[in-house]
PDB file of N, CA and C in Angstrom:
ATOM      1  N   MET A   1       0.813  -1.196   0.000  1.00  0.00           N
ATOM      2  CA  MET A   1       0.000   0.000   0.000  1.00  0.00           C
ATOM      3  C   MET A   1       0.862   1.268   0.000  1.00  0.00           C
ATOM      4  N   GLU A   2       2.127   1.127   0.373  1.00  0.00           N
ATOM      5  CA  GLU A   2       3.000   2.297   0.508  1.00  0.00           C
ATOM      6  C   GLU A   2       3.114   3.124  -0.775  1.00  0.00           C
ATOM      7  N   PRO A   3       3.188   2.522  -1.978  1.00  0.00           N
ATOM      8  CA  PRO A   3       3.316   3.352  -3.189  1.00  0.00           C
ATOM      9  C   PRO A   3       2.130   4.294  -3.405  1.00  0.00           C
ATOM     10  N   CYS A   4       1.031   4.036  -2.716  1.00  0.00           N
ATOM     11  CA  CYS A   4      -0.166   4.868  -2.900  1.00  0.00           C
ATOM     12  C   CYS A   4      -0.307   5.950  -1.845  1.00  0.00           C
ATOM     13  N   ARG A   5       0.661   6.045  -0.929  1.00  0.00           N
ATOM     14  CA  ARG A   5       0.555   7.064   0.108  1.00  0.00           C
ATOM     15  C   ARG A   5       0.692   8.428  -0.558  1.00  0.00           C
ATOM     16  N   PRO A   6      -0.331   9.273  -0.468  1.00  0.00           N
ATOM     17  CA  PRO A   6      -0.271  10.575  -1.140  1.00  0.00           C
ATOM     18  C   PRO A   6       0.749  11.508  -0.501  1.00  0.00           C
ATOM     19  N   THR A   7       1.435  12.264  -1.351  1.00  0.00           N
ATOM     20  CA  THR A   7       2.384  13.255  -0.861  1.00  0.00           C
ATOM     21  C   THR A   7       2.199  14.545  -1.647  1.00  0.00           C
ATOM     22  N   GLY A   8       2.632  15.630  -1.049  1.00  0.00           N
ATOM     23  CA  GLY A   8       2.571  16.925  -1.714  1.00  0.00           C
ATOM     24  C   GLY A   8       1.215  17.574  -1.571  1.00  0.00           C
ATOM     25  N   PRO A   9       1.088  18.764  -2.103  1.00  0.00           N
ATOM     26  CA  PRO A   9      -0.178  19.495  -2.032  1.00  0.00           C
ATOM     27  C   PRO A   9      -1.331  18.703  -2.651  1.00  0.00           C
ATOM     28  N   CYS A  10      -2.518  19.029  -2.217  1.00  0.00           N
ATOM     29  CA  CYS A  10      -3.707  18.297  -2.644  1.00  0.00           C
ATOM     30  C   CYS A  10      -4.794  19.283  -3.066  1.00  0.00           C
ATOM     31  N   ILE A  11      -5.528  18.895  -4.099  1.00  0.00           N
ATOM     32  CA  ILE A  11      -6.737  19.630  -4.508  1.00  0.00           C
ATOM     33  C   ILE A  11      -7.902  18.682  -4.315  1.00  0.00           C
ATOM     34  N   ARG A  12      -8.967  19.159  -3.685  1.00  0.00           N
ATOM     35  CA  ARG A  12     -10.124  18.311  -3.418  1.00  0.00           C
ATOM     36  C   ARG A  12     -11.361  18.910  -4.054  1.00  0.00           C
ATOM     37  N   SER A  13     -12.040  18.095  -4.854  1.00  0.00           N
ATOM     38  CA  SER A  13     -13.323  18.488  -5.439  1.00  0.00           C
ATOM     39  C   SER A  13     -14.427  17.973  -4.531  1.00  0.00           C
ATOM     40  N   GLU A  14     -15.266  18.859  -4.066  1.00  0.00           N
ATOM     41  CA  GLU A  14     -16.372  18.452  -3.210  1.00  0.00           C
ATOM     42  C   GLU A  14     -17.526  19.389  -3.471  1.00  0.00           C
ATOM     43  N   SER A  15     -18.640  18.788  -3.871  1.00  0.00           N
ATOM     44  CA  SER A  15     -19.806  19.601  -4.186  1.00  0.00           C
ATOM     45  C   SER A  15     -20.882  19.487  -3.114  1.00  0.00           C
ATOM     46  N   GLY A  16     -20.543  18.853  -1.985  1.00  0.00           N
ATOM     47  CA  GLY A  16     -21.540  18.640  -0.945  1.00  0.00           C
ATOM     48  C   GLY A  16     -22.243  17.306  -1.095  1.00  0.00           C
ATOM     49  N   ILE A  17     -22.023  16.639  -2.213  1.00  0.00           N
ATOM     50  CA  ILE A  17     -22.565  15.297  -2.426  1.00  0.00           C
ATOM     51  C   ILE A  17     -21.412  14.367  -2.790  1.00  0.00           C
ATOM     52  N   GLN A  18     -21.641  13.089  -2.698  1.00  0.00           N
ATOM     53  CA  GLN A  18     -20.607  12.101  -3.009  1.00  0.00           C
ATOM     54  C   GLN A  18     -20.439  11.981  -4.518  1.00  0.00           C
ATOM     55  N   PRO A  19     -19.316  11.616  -5.041  1.00  0.00           N
ATOM     56  CA  PRO A  19     -18.088  11.299  -4.333  1.00  0.00           C
ATOM     57  C   PRO A  19     -17.231  12.530  -4.087  1.00  0.00           C
ATOM     58  N   ILE A  20     -16.299  12.385  -3.159  1.00  0.00           N
ATOM     59  CA  ILE A  20     -15.281  13.400  -2.908  1.00  0.00           C
ATOM     60  C   ILE A  20     -14.012  12.909  -3.602  1.00  0.00           C
ATOM     61  N   GLN A  21     -13.414  13.756  -4.401  1.00  0.00           N
ATOM     62  CA  GLN A  21     -12.216  13.383  -5.140  1.00  0.00           C
ATOM     63  C   GLN A  21     -11.035  14.200  -4.640  1.00  0.00           C
ATOM     64  N   ALA A  22      -9.876  13.548  -4.511  1.00  0.00           N
ATOM     65  CA  ALA A  22      -8.653  14.228  -4.073  1.00  0.00           C
ATOM     66  C   ALA A  22      -7.538  13.917  -5.060  1.00  0.00           C
ATOM     67  N   CYS A  23      -6.817  14.948  -5.466  1.00  0.00           N
ATOM     68  CA  CYS A  23      -5.699  14.821  -6.395  1.00  0.00           C
ATOM     69  C   CYS A  23      -4.451  15.381  -5.727  1.00  0.00           C
ATOM     70  N   TYR A  24      -3.418  14.561  -5.592  1.00  0.00           N
ATOM     71  CA  TYR A  24      -2.184  14.953  -4.911  1.00  0.00           C
ATOM     72  C   TYR A  24      -1.094  15.283  -5.921  1.00  0.00           C
ATOM     73  N   ALA A  25      -0.126  16.062  -5.478  1.00  0.00           N
ATOM     74  CA  ALA A  25       0.948  16.528  -6.351  1.00  0.00           C
ATOM     75  C   ALA A  25       1.749  15.376  -6.949  1.00  0.00           C
ATOM     76  N   ASP A  26       1.833  14.238  -6.239  1.00  0.00           N
ATOM     77  CA  ASP A  26       2.606  13.107  -6.751  1.00  0.00           C
ATOM     78  C   ASP A  26       1.833  12.275  -7.769  1.00  0.00           C
ATOM     79  N   GLY A  27       0.603  12.682  -8.079  1.00  0.00           N
ATOM     80  CA  GLY A  27      -0.199  11.966  -9.066  1.00  0.00           C
ATOM     81  C   GLY A  27      -1.149  10.942  -8.491  1.00  0.00           C
ATOM     82  N   VAL A  28      -1.030  10.629  -7.201  1.00  0.00           N
ATOM     83  CA  VAL A  28      -1.963   9.714  -6.552  1.00  0.00           C
ATOM     84  C   VAL A  28      -3.300  10.425  -6.406  1.00  0.00           C
ATOM     85  N   THR A  29      -4.385   9.708  -6.681  1.00  0.00           N
ATOM     86  CA  THR A  29      -5.724  10.280  -6.530  1.00  0.00           C
ATOM     87  C   THR A  29      -6.599   9.333  -5.722  1.00  0.00           C
ATOM     88  N   SER A  30      -7.677   9.861  -5.160  1.00  0.00           N
ATOM     89  CA  SER A  30      -8.619   9.018  -4.439  1.00  0.00           C
ATOM     90  C   SER A  30     -10.042   9.507  -4.690  1.00  0.00           C
ATOM     91  N   VAL A  31     -10.956   8.550  -4.624  1.00  0.00           N
ATOM     92  CA  VAL A  31     -12.382   8.823  -4.759  1.00  0.00           C
ATOM     93  C   VAL A  31     -13.055   8.206  -3.538  1.00  0.00           C
ATOM     94  N   THR A  32     -13.775   9.033  -2.767  1.00  0.00           N
ATOM     95  CA  THR A  32     -14.398   8.571  -1.532  1.00  0.00           C
ATOM     96  C   THR A  32     -15.899   8.759  -1.599  1.00  0.00           C
ATOM     97  N   THR A  33     -16.628   7.686  -1.259  1.00  0.00           N
ATOM     98  CA  THR A  33     -18.076   7.738  -1.092  1.00  0.00           C
ATOM     99  C   THR A  33     -18.366   7.384   0.367  1.00  0.00           C
ATOM    100  N   THR A  34     -19.630   7.318   0.742  1.00  0.00           N
ATOM    101  CA  THR A  34     -19.962   6.961   2.119  1.00  0.00           C
ATOM    102  C   THR A  34     -19.568   5.518   2.434  1.00  0.00           C
ATOM    103  N   ASP A  35     -19.468   4.652   1.418  1.00  0.00           N
ATOM    104  CA  ASP A  35     -19.193   3.232   1.625  1.00  0.00           C
ATOM    105  C   ASP A  35     -17.759   2.804   1.349  1.00  0.00           C
ATOM    106  N   GLU A  36     -17.019   3.626   0.593  1.00  0.00           N
ATOM    107  CA  GLU A  36     -15.725   3.143   0.117  1.00  0.00           C
ATOM    108  C   GLU A  36     -14.801   4.287  -0.307  1.00  0.00           C
ATOM    109  N   ARG A  37     -13.488   4.020  -0.197  1.00  0.00           N
ATOM    110  CA  ARG A  37     -12.484   4.912  -0.782  1.00  0.00           C
ATOM    111  C   ARG A  37     -11.614   4.071  -1.707  1.00  0.00           C
ATOM    112  N   ARG A  38     -11.422   4.544  -2.936  1.00  0.00           N
ATOM    113  CA  ARG A  38     -10.522   3.893  -3.890  1.00  0.00           C
ATOM    114  C   ARG A  38      -9.357   4.828  -4.149  1.00  0.00           C
ATOM    115  N   THR A  39      -8.151   4.276  -4.110  1.00  0.00           N
ATOM    116  CA  THR A  39      -6.939   5.059  -4.339  1.00  0.00           C
ATOM    117  C   THR A  39      -6.292   4.573  -5.632  1.00  0.00           C
ATOM    118  N   TYR A  40      -5.895   5.532  -6.465  1.00  0.00           N
ATOM    119  CA  TYR A  40      -5.340   5.226  -7.787  1.00  0.00           C
ATOM    120  C   TYR A  40      -3.904   5.720  -7.899  1.00  0.00           C
ATOM    121  N   MET A  41      -3.090   4.951  -8.608  1.00  0.00           N
ATOM    122  CA  MET A  41      -1.704   5.318  -8.913  1.00  0.00           C
ATOM    123  C   MET A  41      -1.710   6.445  -9.944  1.00  0.00           C
ATOM    124  N   PRO A  42      -0.567   7.116 -10.144  1.00  0.00           N
ATOM    125  CA  PRO A  42      -0.502   8.197 -11.128  1.00  0.00           C
ATOM    126  C   PRO A  42      -0.907   7.776 -12.551  1.00  0.00           C
ATOM    127  N   ASP A  43      -0.715   6.482 -12.897  1.00  0.00           N
ATOM    128  CA  ASP A  43      -1.103   6.015 -14.233  1.00  0.00           C
ATOM    129  C   ASP A  43      -2.586   5.683 -14.345  1.00  0.00           C
ATOM    130  N   GLY A  44      -3.349   5.883 -13.239  1.00  0.00           N
ATOM    131  CA  GLY A  44      -4.790   5.632 -13.246  1.00  0.00           C
ATOM    132  C   GLY A  44      -5.176   4.234 -12.811  1.00  0.00           C
ATOM    133  N   SER A  45      -4.198   3.353 -12.581  1.00  0.00           N
ATOM    134  CA  SER A  45      -4.526   1.993 -12.149  1.00  0.00           C
ATOM    135  C   SER A  45      -4.896   1.995 -10.663  1.00  0.00           C
ATOM    136  N   LEU A  46      -5.809   1.102 -10.302  1.00  0.00           N
ATOM    137  CA  LEU A  46      -6.262   0.992  -8.917  1.00  0.00           C
ATOM    138  C   LEU A  46      -5.117   0.498  -8.042  1.00  0.00           C
ATOM    139  N   CYS A  47      -4.899   1.150  -6.928  1.00  0.00           N
ATOM    140  CA  CYS A  47      -3.874   0.722  -5.977  1.00  0.00           C
ATOM    141  C   CYS A  47      -4.506  -0.077  -4.842  1.00  0.00           C
ATOM    142  N   ASN A  48      -5.557   0.465  -4.243  1.00  0.00           N
ATOM    143  CA  ASN A  48      -6.236  -0.235  -3.158  1.00  0.00           C
ATOM    144  C   ASN A  48      -7.614   0.362  -2.951  1.00  0.00           C
ATOM    145  N   SER A  49      -8.393  -0.327  -2.120  1.00  0.00           N
ATOM    146  CA  SER A  49      -9.700   0.196  -1.743  1.00  0.00           C
ATOM    147  C   SER A  49      -9.951  -0.120  -0.278  1.00  0.00           C
ATOM    148  N   VAL A  50     -10.799   0.693   0.328  1.00  0.00           N
ATOM    149  CA  VAL A  50     -11.197   0.508   1.717  1.00  0.00           C
ATOM    150  C   VAL A  50     -12.712   0.603   1.764  1.00  0.00           C
ATOM    151  N   SER A  51     -13.364  -0.461   2.239  1.00  0.00           N
ATOM    152  CA  SER A  51     -14.814  -0.465   2.425  1.00  0.00           C
ATOM    153  C   SER A  51     -15.117  -0.107   3.868  1.00  0.00           C
ATOM    154  N   TYR A  52     -16.109   0.770   4.066  1.00  0.00           N
ATOM    155  CA  TYR A  52     -16.450   1.251   5.400  1.00  0.00           C
ATOM    156  C   TYR A  52     -17.759   0.643   5.884  1.00  0.00           C
ATOM    157  N   SER A  53     -17.830   0.362   7.189  1.00  0.00           N
ATOM    158  CA  SER A  53     -19.073  -0.026   7.847  1.00  0.00           C
ATOM    159  C   SER A  53     -19.079   0.662   9.206  1.00  0.00           C
ATOM    160  N   PRO A  54     -20.212   0.673   9.901  1.00  0.00           N
ATOM    161  CA  PRO A  54     -20.245   1.334  11.213  1.00  0.00           C
ATOM    162  C   PRO A  54     -19.267   0.737  12.230  1.00  0.00           C
ATOM    163  N   THR A  55     -18.901  -0.521  12.053  1.00  0.00           N
ATOM    164  CA  THR A  55     -18.025  -1.165  13.035  1.00  0.00           C
ATOM    165  C   THR A  55     -16.627  -1.463  12.507  1.00  0.00           C
ATOM    166  N   GLY A  56     -16.258  -0.926  11.331  1.00  0.00           N
ATOM    167  CA  GLY A  56     -14.901  -1.172  10.868  1.00  0.00           C
ATOM    168  C   GLY A  56     -14.658  -0.889   9.408  1.00  0.00           C
ATOM    169  N   GLN A  57     -13.556  -1.454   8.931  1.00  0.00           N
ATOM    170  CA  GLN A  57     -13.118  -1.259   7.556  1.00  0.00           C
ATOM    171  C   GLN A  57     -12.518  -2.559   7.029  1.00  0.00           C
ATOM    172  N   VAL A  58     -12.593  -2.741   5.706  1.00  0.00           N
ATOM    173  CA  VAL A  58     -11.926  -3.850   5.035  1.00  0.00           C
ATOM    174  C   VAL A  58     -11.035  -3.248   3.964  1.00  0.00           C
ATOM    175  N   TRP A  59      -9.734  -3.561   4.030  1.00  0.00           N
ATOM    176  CA  TRP A  59      -8.754  -3.069   3.066  1.00  0.00           C
ATOM    177  C   TRP A  59      -8.500  -4.147   2.025  1.00  0.00           C
ATOM    178  N   ARG A  60      -8.484  -3.754   0.752  1.00  0.00           N
ATOM    179  CA  ARG A  60      -8.215  -4.686  -0.346  1.00  0.00           C
ATOM    180  C   ARG A  60      -7.107  -4.120  -1.228  1.00  0.00           C
ATOM    181  N   ASP A  61      -6.313  -5.019  -1.806  1.00  0.00           N
ATOM    182  CA  ASP A  61      -5.270  -4.578  -2.728  1.00  0.00           C
ATOM    183  C   ASP A  61      -5.871  -4.338  -4.109  1.00  0.00           C
ATOM    184  N   SER A  62      -5.032  -4.097  -5.084  1.00  0.00           N
ATOM    185  CA  SER A  62      -5.510  -3.748  -6.429  1.00  0.00           C
ATOM    186  C   SER A  62      -6.261  -4.871  -7.110  1.00  0.00           C
ATOM    187  N   THR A  63      -6.075  -6.116  -6.661  1.00  0.00           N
ATOM    188  CA  THR A  63      -6.785  -7.248  -7.264  1.00  0.00           C
ATOM    189  C   THR A  63      -8.110  -7.536  -6.564  1.00  0.00           C
ATOM    190  N   GLY A  64      -8.386  -6.803  -5.490  1.00  0.00           N
ATOM    191  CA  GLY A  64      -9.607  -7.038  -4.728  1.00  0.00           C
ATOM    192  C   GLY A  64      -9.430  -8.033  -3.593  1.00  0.00           C
ATOM    193  N   THR A  65      -8.200  -8.498  -3.397  1.00  0.00           N
ATOM    194  CA  THR A  65      -7.916  -9.443  -2.325  1.00  0.00           C
ATOM    195  C   THR A  65      -7.881  -8.715  -0.985  1.00  0.00           C
ATOM    196  N   GLU A  66      -8.610  -9.240  -0.013  1.00  0.00           N
ATOM    197  CA  GLU A  66      -8.630  -8.649   1.321  1.00  0.00           C
ATOM    198  C   GLU A  66      -7.256  -8.779   1.952  1.00  0.00           C
ATOM    199  N   VAL A  67      -6.701  -7.664   2.430  1.00  0.00           N
ATOM    200  CA  VAL A  67      -5.377  -7.689   3.047  1.00  0.00           C
ATOM    201  C   VAL A  67      -5.410  -7.316   4.528  1.00  0.00           C
ATOM    202  N   ALA A  68      -6.465  -6.651   4.966  1.00  0.00           N
ATOM    203  CA  ALA A  68      -6.557  -6.278   6.380  1.00  0.00           C
ATOM    204  C   ALA A  68      -7.995  -5.907   6.719  1.00  0.00           C
ATOM    205  N   THR A  69      -8.328  -6.089   7.994  1.00  0.00           N
ATOM    206  CA  THR A  69      -9.620  -5.631   8.497  1.00  0.00           C
ATOM    207  C   THR A  69      -9.378  -4.816   9.763  1.00  0.00           C
ATOM    208  N   LEU A  70     -10.188  -3.814   9.944  1.00  0.00           N
ATOM    209  CA  LEU A  70     -10.163  -2.993  11.143  1.00  0.00           C
ATOM    210  C   LEU A  70     -11.518  -3.139  11.803  1.00  0.00           C
ATOM    211  N   THR A  71     -11.521  -3.481  13.086  1.00  0.00           N
ATOM    212  CA  THR A  71     -12.758  -3.609  13.847  1.00  0.00           C
ATOM    213  C   THR A  71     -12.742  -2.579  14.962  1.00  0.00           C
ATOM    214  N   ILE A  72     -13.849  -1.871  15.115  1.00  0.00           N
ATOM    215  CA  ILE A  72     -13.987  -0.863  16.161  1.00  0.00           C
ATOM    216  C   ILE A  72     -14.986  -1.376  17.183  1.00  0.00           C
ATOM    217  N   ASP A  73     -14.568  -1.463  18.435  1.00  0.00           N
ATOM    218  CA  ASP A  73     -15.448  -1.905  19.505  1.00  0.00           C
ATOM    219  C   ASP A  73     -16.453  -0.794  19.778  1.00  0.00           C
ATOM    220  N   GLU A  74     -17.727  -1.110  19.633  1.00  0.00           N
ATOM    221  CA  GLU A  74     -18.782  -0.098  19.796  1.00  0.00           C
ATOM    222  C   GLU A  74     -18.889   0.412  21.226  1.00  0.00           C
ATOM    223  N   GLN A  75     -18.472  -0.371  22.202  1.00  0.00           N
ATOM    224  CA  GLN A  75     -18.606   0.043  23.590  1.00  0.00           C
ATOM    225  C   GLN A  75     -17.511   0.987  24.042  1.00  0.00           C
ATOM    226  N   ASP A  76     -16.248   0.658  23.730  1.00  0.00           N
ATOM    227  CA  ASP A  76     -15.168   1.500  24.233  1.00  0.00           C
ATOM    228  C   ASP A  76     -14.369   2.206  23.134  1.00  0.00           C
ATOM    229  N   GLY A  77     -14.695   1.955  21.874  1.00  0.00           N
ATOM    230  CA  GLY A  77     -14.025   2.637  20.773  1.00  0.00           C
ATOM    231  C   GLY A  77     -12.649   2.097  20.429  1.00  0.00           C
ATOM    232  N   SER A  78     -12.206   1.042  21.145  1.00  0.00           N
ATOM    233  CA  SER A  78     -10.892   0.480  20.826  1.00  0.00           C
ATOM    234  C   SER A  78     -10.907  -0.104  19.413  1.00  0.00           C
ATOM    235  N   GLN A  79      -9.723  -0.130  18.804  1.00  0.00           N
ATOM    236  CA  GLN A  79      -9.611  -0.588  17.425  1.00  0.00           C
ATOM    237  C   GLN A  79      -8.614  -1.728  17.328  1.00  0.00           C
ATOM    238  N   TRP A  80      -8.953  -2.722  16.490  1.00  0.00           N
ATOM    239  CA  TRP A  80      -8.111  -3.893  16.258  1.00  0.00           C
ATOM    240  C   TRP A  80      -7.964  -4.109  14.765  1.00  0.00           C
ATOM    241  N   VAL A  81      -6.734  -4.383  14.343  1.00  0.00           N
ATOM    242  CA  VAL A  81      -6.465  -4.676  12.942  1.00  0.00           C
ATOM    243  C   VAL A  81      -5.986  -6.117  12.833  1.00  0.00           C
ATOM    244  N   VAL A  82      -6.526  -6.840  11.857  1.00  0.00           N
ATOM    245  CA  VAL A  82      -6.033  -8.168  11.524  1.00  0.00           C
ATOM    246  C   VAL A  82      -5.390  -8.052  10.154  1.00  0.00           C
ATOM    247  N   CYS A  83      -4.109  -8.409  10.092  1.00  0.00           N
ATOM    248  CA  CYS A  83      -3.342  -8.295   8.864  1.00  0.00           C
ATOM    249  C   CYS A  83      -2.291  -9.405   8.851  1.00  0.00           C
ATOM    250  N   GLY A  84      -2.224 -10.157   7.770  1.00  0.00           N
ATOM    251  CA  GLY A  84      -1.234 -11.220   7.676  1.00  0.00           C
ATOM    252  C   GLY A  84      -1.394 -12.288   8.734  1.00  0.00           C
ATOM    253  N   GLY A  85      -2.624 -12.492   9.202  1.00  0.00           N
ATOM    254  CA  GLY A  85      -2.878 -13.502  10.217  1.00  0.00           C
ATOM    255  C   GLY A  85      -2.570 -13.052  11.635  1.00  0.00           C
ATOM    256  N   ASN A  86      -2.111 -11.820  11.798  1.00  0.00           N
ATOM    257  CA  ASN A  86      -1.809 -11.288  13.126  1.00  0.00           C
ATOM    258  C   ASN A  86      -2.832 -10.223  13.504  1.00  0.00           C
ATOM    259  N   GLU A  87      -3.094 -10.120  14.809  1.00  0.00           N
ATOM    260  CA  GLU A  87      -4.038  -9.124  15.313  1.00  0.00           C
ATOM    261  C   GLU A  87      -3.270  -8.065  16.102  1.00  0.00           C
ATOM    262  N   TYR A  88      -3.589  -6.801  15.836  1.00  0.00           N
ATOM    263  CA  TYR A  88      -2.899  -5.685  16.477  1.00  0.00           C
ATOM    264  C   TYR A  88      -3.909  -4.724  17.076  1.00  0.00           C
ATOM    265  N   HIS A  89      -3.624  -4.264  18.294  1.00  0.00           N
ATOM    266  CA  HIS A  89      -4.427  -3.200  18.895  1.00  0.00           C
ATOM    267  C   HIS A  89      -3.910  -1.874  18.353  1.00  0.00           C
ATOM    268  N   VAL A  90      -4.798  -0.997  17.967  1.00  0.00           N
ATOM    269  CA  VAL A  90      -4.417   0.294  17.406  1.00  0.00           C
ATOM    270  C   VAL A  90      -4.703   1.377  18.433  1.00  0.00           C
ATOM    271  N   ASP A  91      -3.662   2.073  18.840  1.00  0.00           N
ATOM    272  CA  ASP A  91      -3.813   3.223  19.733  1.00  0.00           C
ATOM    273  C   ASP A  91      -3.770   4.464  18.849  1.00  0.00           C
ATOM    274  N   VAL A  92      -4.934   4.962  18.453  1.00  0.00           N
ATOM    275  CA  VAL A  92      -4.991   6.081  17.509  1.00  0.00           C
ATOM    276  C   VAL A  92      -4.409   7.361  18.081  1.00  0.00           C
ATOM    277  N   ASN A  93      -4.190   7.410  19.400  1.00  0.00           N
ATOM    278  CA  ASN A  93      -3.609   8.600  20.016  1.00  0.00           C
ATOM    279  C   ASN A  93      -2.086   8.541  20.115  1.00  0.00           C
ATOM    280  N   ALA A  94      -1.478   7.408  19.783  1.00  0.00           N
ATOM    281  CA  ALA A  94      -0.025   7.283  19.833  1.00  0.00           C
ATOM    282  C   ALA A  94       0.606   8.177  18.767  1.00  0.00           C
ATOM    283  N   PRO A  95       1.738   8.812  19.085  1.00  0.00           N
ATOM    284  CA  PRO A  95       2.389   9.696  18.105  1.00  0.00           C
ATOM    285  C   PRO A  95       2.698   9.010  16.779  1.00  0.00           C
ATOM    286  N   GLU A  96       3.094   7.729  16.831  1.00  0.00           N
ATOM    287  CA  GLU A  96       3.398   7.001  15.596  1.00  0.00           C
ATOM    288  C   GLU A  96       2.168   6.865  14.716  1.00  0.00           C
ATOM    289  N   CYS A  97       1.035   6.649  15.340  1.00  0.00           N
ATOM    290  CA  CYS A  97      -0.213   6.514  14.589  1.00  0.00           C
ATOM    291  C   CYS A  97      -0.625   7.862  14.022  1.00  0.00           C
ATOM    292  N   GLN A  98      -0.522   8.902  14.808  1.00  0.00           N
ATOM    293  CA  GLN A  98      -0.904  10.226  14.345  1.00  0.00           C
ATOM    294  C   GLN A  98      -0.069  10.667  13.152  1.00  0.00           C
ATOM    295  N   SER A  99       1.248  10.401  13.195  1.00  0.00           N
ATOM    296  CA  SER A  99       2.093  10.814  12.070  1.00  0.00           C
ATOM    297  C   SER A  99       1.782   9.991  10.828  1.00  0.00           C
ATOM    298  N   ALA A 100       1.409   8.723  10.993  1.00  0.00           N
ATOM    299  CA  ALA A 100       1.060   7.886   9.845  1.00  0.00           C
ATOM    300  C   ALA A 100      -0.263   8.319   9.232  1.00  0.00           C
ATOM    301  N   LEU A 101      -1.138   8.911  10.044  1.00  0.00           N
ATOM    302  CA  LEU A 101      -2.437   9.352   9.550  1.00  0.00           C
ATOM    303  C   LEU A 101      -2.372  10.713   8.877  1.00  0.00           C
ATOM    304  N   ASP A 102      -1.277  11.430   9.092  1.00  0.00           N
ATOM    305  CA  ASP A 102      -1.153  12.747   8.488  1.00  0.00           C
ATOM    306  C   ASP A 102      -1.142  12.640   6.974  1.00  0.00           C
ATOM    307  N   ALA A 103      -1.967  13.406   6.346  1.00  0.00           N
ATOM    308  CA  ALA A 103      -2.000  13.493   4.888  1.00  0.00           C
ATOM    309  C   ALA A 103      -1.880  14.968   4.535  1.00  0.00           C
ATOM    310  N   PRO A 104      -1.383  15.245   3.355  1.00  0.00           N
ATOM    311  CA  PRO A 104      -1.269  16.656   2.970  1.00  0.00           C
ATOM    312  C   PRO A 104      -2.627  17.361   3.030  1.00  0.00           C
ATOM    313  N   GLU A 105      -2.602  18.621   3.419  1.00  0.00           N
ATOM    314  CA  GLU A 105      -3.819  19.427   3.433  1.00  0.00           C
ATOM    315  C   GLU A 105      -4.356  19.585   2.013  1.00  0.00           C
ATOM    316  N   CYS A 106      -5.645  19.553   1.882  1.00  0.00           N
ATOM    317  CA  CYS A 106      -6.269  19.742   0.580  1.00  0.00           C
ATOM    318  C   CYS A 106      -6.915  21.121   0.514  1.00  0.00           C
ATOM    319  N   VAL A 107      -6.822  21.748  -0.636  1.00  0.00           N
ATOM    320  CA  VAL A 107      -7.553  22.975  -0.907  1.00  0.00           C
ATOM    321  C   VAL A 107      -8.645  22.622  -1.905  1.00  0.00           C
ATOM    322  N   PHE A 108      -9.705  23.383  -1.908  1.00  0.00           N
ATOM    323  CA  PHE A 108     -10.798  23.099  -2.823  1.00  0.00           C
ATOM    324  C   PHE A 108     -10.450  23.586  -4.228  1.00  0.00           C
ATOM    325  N   GLY A 109     -10.849  22.795  -5.204  1.00  0.00           N
ATOM    326  CA  GLY A 109     -10.591  23.137  -6.593  1.00  0.00           C
ATOM    327  C   GLY A 109     -11.103  22.041  -7.501  1.00  0.00           C
ATOM    328  N   ASP A 110     -10.689  22.070  -8.751  1.00  0.00           N
ATOM    329  CA  ASP A 110     -11.109  21.052  -9.707  1.00  0.00           C
ATOM    330  C   ASP A 110     -10.145  19.886  -9.663  1.00  0.00           C
ATOM    331  N   CYS A 111     -10.693  18.691  -9.536  1.00  0.00           N
ATOM    332  CA  CYS A 111      -9.901  17.493  -9.471  1.00  0.00           C
ATOM    333  C   CYS A 111     -10.671  16.373 -10.144  1.00  0.00           C
ATOM    334  N   THR A 112     -10.032  15.661 -11.035  1.00  0.00           N
ATOM    335  CA  THR A 112     -10.636  14.465 -11.630  1.00  0.00           C
ATOM    336  C   THR A 112      -9.776  13.298 -11.212  1.00  0.00           C
ATOM    337  N   ALA A 113     -10.361  12.428 -10.383  1.00  0.00           N
ATOM    338  CA  ALA A 113      -9.611  11.314  -9.825  1.00  0.00           C
ATOM    339  C   ALA A 113     -10.032  10.002 -10.460  1.00  0.00           C
ATOM    340  N   GLY A 114      -9.113   9.051 -10.388  1.00  0.00           N
ATOM    341  CA  GLY A 114      -9.403   7.703 -10.867  1.00  0.00           C
ATOM    342  C   GLY A 114      -9.151   7.543 -12.354  1.00  0.00           C
ATOM    343  N   PRO A 115      -9.585   6.389 -12.863  1.00  0.00           N
ATOM    344  CA  PRO A 115      -9.316   6.085 -14.267  1.00  0.00           C
ATOM    345  C   PRO A 115     -10.123   6.926 -15.232  1.00  0.00           C
TER     346      PRO A 115
END
């Protein structure tokens, strides 16, 4: 998934309705709806997708193969990721997690994302 990590300035097209499109300076783009986010490489090929539900997420690679799941405990908000057969607790407040979640700021403008 690392080749799809967006870098550089971002332009985001948002009209108040779905989808939301983001175009990054490195050529990576994403299209987000209420159910899913698809990330595309600079050549327009699909890099990965993330399906959303109220209790978690399912990450898939470019072939549609499930590579990770995130489960959110509805009672205490704790998060668990299963990836490669291993289960990990996610502390979203840890500095390492916060820096990994940082994405370039987006400004509003015209953006055409995806293929």
